[in-house]
Protein backbone atom coordinates (compact mmCIF):
# COMPACT_ATOMS: atom_id res chain seq x y z
CA MET A 1 18.15 0.83 15.21
CA THR A 2 19.96 -1.11 12.41
CA ARG A 3 17.25 -3.78 12.42
CA ALA A 4 14.55 -1.12 12.12
CA ARG A 5 16.34 0.56 9.23
CA GLY A 6 16.74 -2.83 7.54
CA ALA A 7 13.01 -3.51 7.92
CA VAL A 8 12.13 -0.16 6.37
CA ARG A 9 14.52 -0.74 3.49
CA GLY A 10 12.96 -4.15 2.89
CA LEU A 11 9.51 -2.56 2.55
CA ILE A 12 10.54 0.09 0.03
CA PRO A 13 10.36 -2.14 -3.12
CA ALA A 14 6.86 -3.32 -2.17
CA VAL A 15 5.69 0.23 -1.49
CA LEU A 16 7.05 1.49 -4.79
CA ALA A 17 5.42 -1.41 -6.61
CA ALA A 18 2.07 -0.58 -5.02
CA VAL A 19 2.46 3.08 -5.98
CA ALA A 20 3.31 2.10 -9.54
CA LEU A 21 0.20 -0.14 -9.79
CA ALA A 22 -1.94 2.65 -8.41
CA GLY A 23 -0.48 4.96 -11.04
CA CYS A 24 -1.27 2.50 -13.82
CA SER A 25 -4.91 2.15 -12.78
CA SER A 26 -5.32 5.89 -12.38
CA SER A 27 -4.10 6.53 -15.90
CA THR A 28 -7.45 5.31 -17.19
CA GLY A 29 -9.53 7.73 -15.20
CA ALA A 30 -8.44 9.02 -11.82
CA GLY A 31 -4.99 10.38 -12.70
CA ASP A 32 -3.95 13.97 -13.26
CA ARG A 33 -4.99 15.22 -16.68
CA GLY A 34 -3.39 17.94 -18.72
CA PRO A 35 -5.70 20.31 -20.56
CA GLY A 36 -7.47 18.12 -23.09
CA GLY A 37 -4.81 15.47 -22.70
CA PRO A 38 -4.66 11.92 -21.32
CA ALA A 39 -4.34 11.09 -17.65
CA VAL A 40 -0.82 11.44 -16.28
CA SER A 41 0.24 9.29 -13.33
CA SER A 42 1.89 11.07 -10.38
CA ALA A 43 3.55 7.82 -9.16
CA PRO A 44 7.02 8.51 -10.66
CA ALA A 45 7.14 11.95 -9.01
CA LYS A 46 6.05 10.50 -5.67
CA ALA A 47 8.63 7.72 -5.93
CA ALA A 48 11.33 10.27 -6.71
CA GLU A 49 10.32 12.32 -3.68
CA ALA A 50 10.44 9.23 -1.46
CA GLY A 51 13.86 8.36 -2.87
CA ALA A 52 15.14 11.86 -2.07
CA GLU A 53 13.76 11.84 1.48
CA LYS A 54 15.35 8.48 2.38
CA PRO A 55 19.01 9.51 1.91
CA ARG A 56 18.35 12.70 3.88
CA ALA A 57 16.82 10.71 6.75
CA ASP A 58 19.66 8.18 6.72
CA LYS A 59 22.24 10.99 6.78
CA ALA A 60 20.56 12.72 9.72
CA GLU A 61 20.35 9.40 11.58
CA ALA A 62 24.02 8.66 10.95
CA GLU A 63 25.02 12.14 12.15
CA ALA A 64 22.97 11.69 15.34
CA GLU A 65 24.61 8.32 16.03
CA ALA A 66 28.08 9.80 15.45
CA GLU A 67 27.36 12.65 17.89
CA ALA A 68 26.06 10.20 20.51
CA GLU A 69 29.22 8.13 20.13
CA LYS A 70 31.41 11.23 20.49
CA THR A 71 29.71 12.53 23.63
CA GLY A 72 28.82 9.20 25.16
CA THR A 73 25.11 9.99 25.22
CA GLY A 74 24.10 7.07 23.05
CA ALA A 75 22.13 4.19 24.58
CA THR A 76 24.42 1.42 25.85
CA LYS A 77 23.10 -1.89 27.11
CA VAL A 78 23.61 -2.76 30.77
CA ALA A 79 25.57 -5.88 31.71
CA GLU A 80 24.10 -8.79 33.63
CA LYS A 81 24.69 -8.53 37.38
CA GLY A 82 27.25 -10.89 38.84
CA GLY A 83 27.75 -9.43 42.31
CA GLN A 84 28.14 -6.21 44.27
CA VAL A 85 31.00 -4.21 45.77
CA GLY A 86 31.20 -1.43 48.32
CA GLY A 87 29.32 -2.96 51.23
CA ALA A 88 30.72 -4.25 54.52
CA GLY A 89 32.45 -7.58 53.96
CA SER A 90 32.76 -7.14 50.19
CA ALA A 91 36.09 -7.22 48.36
CA CYS A 92 36.13 -3.40 48.35
CA GLU A 93 34.47 -1.41 51.13
CA LEU A 94 33.53 1.99 49.71
CA PRO A 95 31.35 5.03 50.50
CA VAL A 96 29.02 3.65 47.81
CA THR A 97 27.82 0.28 46.60
CA PHE A 98 27.16 -0.84 43.03
CA ASP A 99 26.61 -4.00 41.01
CA ILE A 100 29.43 -5.57 39.00
CA ALA A 101 29.09 -7.53 35.77
CA ALA A 102 28.95 -11.32 35.75
CA GLY A 103 32.41 -12.86 35.70
CA TRP A 104 34.26 -9.71 36.77
CA LYS A 105 36.52 -10.12 39.82
CA PRO A 106 36.99 -7.29 42.37
CA ARG A 107 39.91 -6.80 44.73
CA GLY A 108 40.79 -4.05 47.16
CA VAL A 109 43.89 -1.92 46.61
CA THR A 110 45.83 -0.85 49.69
CA THR A 111 48.80 1.47 50.12
CA ASN A 112 52.09 -0.42 50.44
CA PRO A 113 53.46 -0.14 54.00
CA ASP A 114 57.02 0.29 52.69
CA PRO A 115 57.44 4.12 52.47
CA GLU A 116 59.99 3.98 49.64
CA LEU A 117 57.89 1.62 47.55
CA ALA A 118 54.73 3.59 48.33
CA GLU A 119 56.40 6.78 47.08
CA ALA A 120 57.51 5.04 43.89
CA LEU A 121 53.98 3.80 43.26
CA ALA A 122 52.30 7.12 44.08
CA ASP A 123 52.17 8.17 40.43
CA LEU A 124 50.19 5.04 39.62
CA SER A 125 47.92 5.01 42.67
CA GLU A 126 47.04 8.72 42.84
CA GLN A 127 45.42 10.83 40.15
CA GLY A 128 44.12 14.32 40.70
CA THR A 129 42.53 14.45 44.15
CA VAL A 130 41.75 10.73 44.42
CA LYS A 131 43.55 7.45 45.09
CA VAL A 132 42.75 4.05 43.62
CA VAL A 133 41.03 1.83 46.20
CA CYS A 134 39.46 -0.95 44.15
CA GLU A 135 40.09 -2.81 40.88
CA ILE A 136 37.47 -4.96 39.16
CA ASP A 137 39.14 -7.21 36.63
CA ALA A 138 37.36 -8.07 33.37
CA LYS A 139 39.71 -10.90 32.35
CA PRO A 140 37.64 -13.70 33.94
CA ALA A 141 34.73 -12.49 31.79
CA GLY A 142 36.84 -12.54 28.62
CA ASN A 143 37.94 -8.91 28.26
CA ILE A 144 41.22 -7.09 28.91
CA GLY A 145 40.75 -4.15 31.23
CA PHE A 146 39.64 -2.92 34.63
CA LEU A 147 36.87 -0.92 36.19
CA ARG A 148 38.78 1.06 38.81
CA VAL A 149 37.34 2.95 41.77
CA TRP A 150 39.15 6.00 43.13
CA GLN A 151 38.34 7.82 46.36
CA GLY A 152 39.40 11.18 47.77
CA GLU A 153 39.30 12.99 51.07
CA ALA A 154 36.09 14.79 52.06
CA SER A 155 35.97 18.17 50.33
CA GLU A 156 33.67 20.79 48.85
CA ASP A 157 34.70 19.93 45.28
CA ASP A 158 31.79 19.10 42.99
CA PRO A 159 31.93 15.95 40.82
CA ARG A 160 32.89 17.85 37.65
CA ALA A 161 35.84 19.56 39.39
CA VAL A 162 37.01 16.16 40.65
CA LEU A 163 36.82 14.71 37.14
CA ARG A 164 38.67 17.65 35.60
CA ALA A 165 41.51 17.20 38.10
CA PHE A 166 41.48 13.44 37.46
CA VAL A 167 41.76 13.82 33.67
CA ALA A 168 44.33 16.63 33.89
CA ASP A 169 46.60 14.42 36.04
CA SER A 170 46.35 11.36 33.78
CA PRO A 171 49.77 9.73 33.28
CA ILE A 172 48.83 9.39 29.61
CA THR A 173 47.86 12.62 27.87
CA ALA A 174 44.07 12.89 27.59
CA GLU A 175 42.55 14.59 24.55
CA ASP A 176 39.07 15.55 23.33
CA ALA A 177 37.56 15.35 26.83
CA THR A 178 33.77 15.84 26.82
CA TYR A 179 32.09 16.46 30.19
CA THR A 180 28.37 15.90 30.78
CA GLN A 181 25.95 15.99 33.70
CA ALA A 182 24.74 12.51 34.60
CA LYS A 183 23.00 10.40 37.21
CA ALA A 184 24.64 7.55 39.10
CA GLY A 185 21.73 5.77 40.64
CA ALA A 186 19.84 8.59 42.36
CA LEU A 187 22.98 10.71 42.88
CA ALA A 188 23.97 13.71 40.78
CA ALA A 189 27.12 12.85 38.86
CA ALA A 190 29.51 14.18 36.25
CA GLU A 191 30.77 12.01 33.41
CA VAL A 192 33.66 12.37 31.00
CA GLY A 193 34.70 10.59 27.83
CA TYR A 194 38.16 11.19 26.39
CA THR A 195 40.89 9.74 24.21
CA SER A 196 44.33 8.72 25.41
CA HIS A 197 47.27 7.30 23.47
CA SER A 198 48.21 3.68 24.07
CA GLU A 199 52.01 3.40 24.10
CA LEU A 200 51.73 -0.38 23.95
CA LEU A 201 49.73 -0.39 20.71
CA ASP A 202 50.84 3.05 19.47
CA GLU A 203 47.27 4.11 18.79
CA PRO A 204 44.56 6.23 20.44
CA LYS A 205 42.04 4.58 22.72
CA LYS A 206 38.86 5.71 24.46
CA GLU A 207 38.39 6.00 28.21
CA ARG A 208 35.42 6.97 30.37
CA ALA A 209 34.76 7.91 34.00
CA PHE A 210 32.04 9.26 36.26
CA ALA A 211 32.27 10.93 39.66
CA VAL A 212 29.92 11.47 42.59
CA ALA A 213 30.26 13.35 45.87
CA THR A 214 29.72 11.56 49.20
CA PRO A 215 30.11 12.65 52.83
CA ASP A 216 33.28 10.54 52.97
CA GLY A 217 34.82 12.16 49.89
CA PRO A 218 34.45 11.99 46.11
CA VAL A 219 34.31 8.68 44.28
CA VAL A 220 35.45 8.22 40.68
CA VAL A 221 34.65 5.08 38.68
CA HIS A 222 36.91 4.76 35.62
CA LEU A 223 36.88 2.37 32.67
CA GLY A 224 39.93 2.02 30.47
CA GLY A 225 40.78 -1.07 28.46
CA MET A 226 43.66 -2.36 26.37
CA ASP A 227 42.26 -0.59 23.30
CA THR A 228 39.06 1.05 22.07
CA GLU A 229 37.56 -2.28 20.99
CA GLU A 230 38.00 -3.73 24.47
CA HIS A 231 36.76 -0.49 26.03
CA THR A 232 33.58 -0.57 23.95
CA ALA A 233 32.96 -4.23 24.81
CA MET A 234 33.21 -3.38 28.54
CA LEU A 235 30.93 -0.33 28.50
CA PRO A 236 27.88 -2.37 29.65
CA ALA A 237 29.75 -3.11 32.92
CA PHE A 238 30.42 0.63 33.34
CA GLU A 239 26.74 1.39 32.74
CA LEU A 240 25.71 -1.28 35.26
CA ALA A 241 27.89 0.34 37.93
CA LYS A 242 26.52 3.79 37.16
CA LYS A 243 22.88 2.66 37.09
CA THR A 244 23.02 0.72 40.37
CA LEU A 245 25.27 2.99 42.47
CA LYS A 246 23.92 3.86 45.93
CA PRO A 247 25.43 5.75 48.88
CA ARG A 248 26.12 3.65 51.98
CA ARG A 249 24.87 6.42 54.24
């Protein structure tokens, strides 16, 4: 989009010059004439109109981009595939499969057999109606963050209800949550973008998640990140997971 706008801006001086030349030639015959007066070129008026339209178009474009960023509906590139998780024999066996970005490293998350330790870790491993079952680490690919997969027990809850419970139970207060209908592969999904507050950096940061329903229970795929910059850099991996997700049965 920026390249296209740059190309248009680069053409404006040439267009105005052509209009001005046309106005000069028309002043000797083909221009607008006042009653009994000499020809008057309309080029300055046309140039002024073009100049007025351009800022309006740029403003509307900027507002559309800002809205897409706020709601998460803007186009985001998809990361290059580096592997797949979810299937039998993979690092994380799930009710679904999806591709993971090149360089990212998955590992399964299991409940600690020690009851006391498991209880202490419950706040970190459970959120809403789901439990974390898989972490896909971005550090080997050069980013700081995880794509985490959460799974719940089979239920009648729809994906949006699962997401609402997930966000409401976040250990870090979530604000400005925006929910949208989405597609994860061929499955109906719900998606949410929200802002949380990073205690480490003492600043707000963006987070995003989508949820789908499966016969084996809901699945939530969540992307955080150390800060908003890292989160934004990892969004292509999130989009790859969402685009390639498939149910195992």
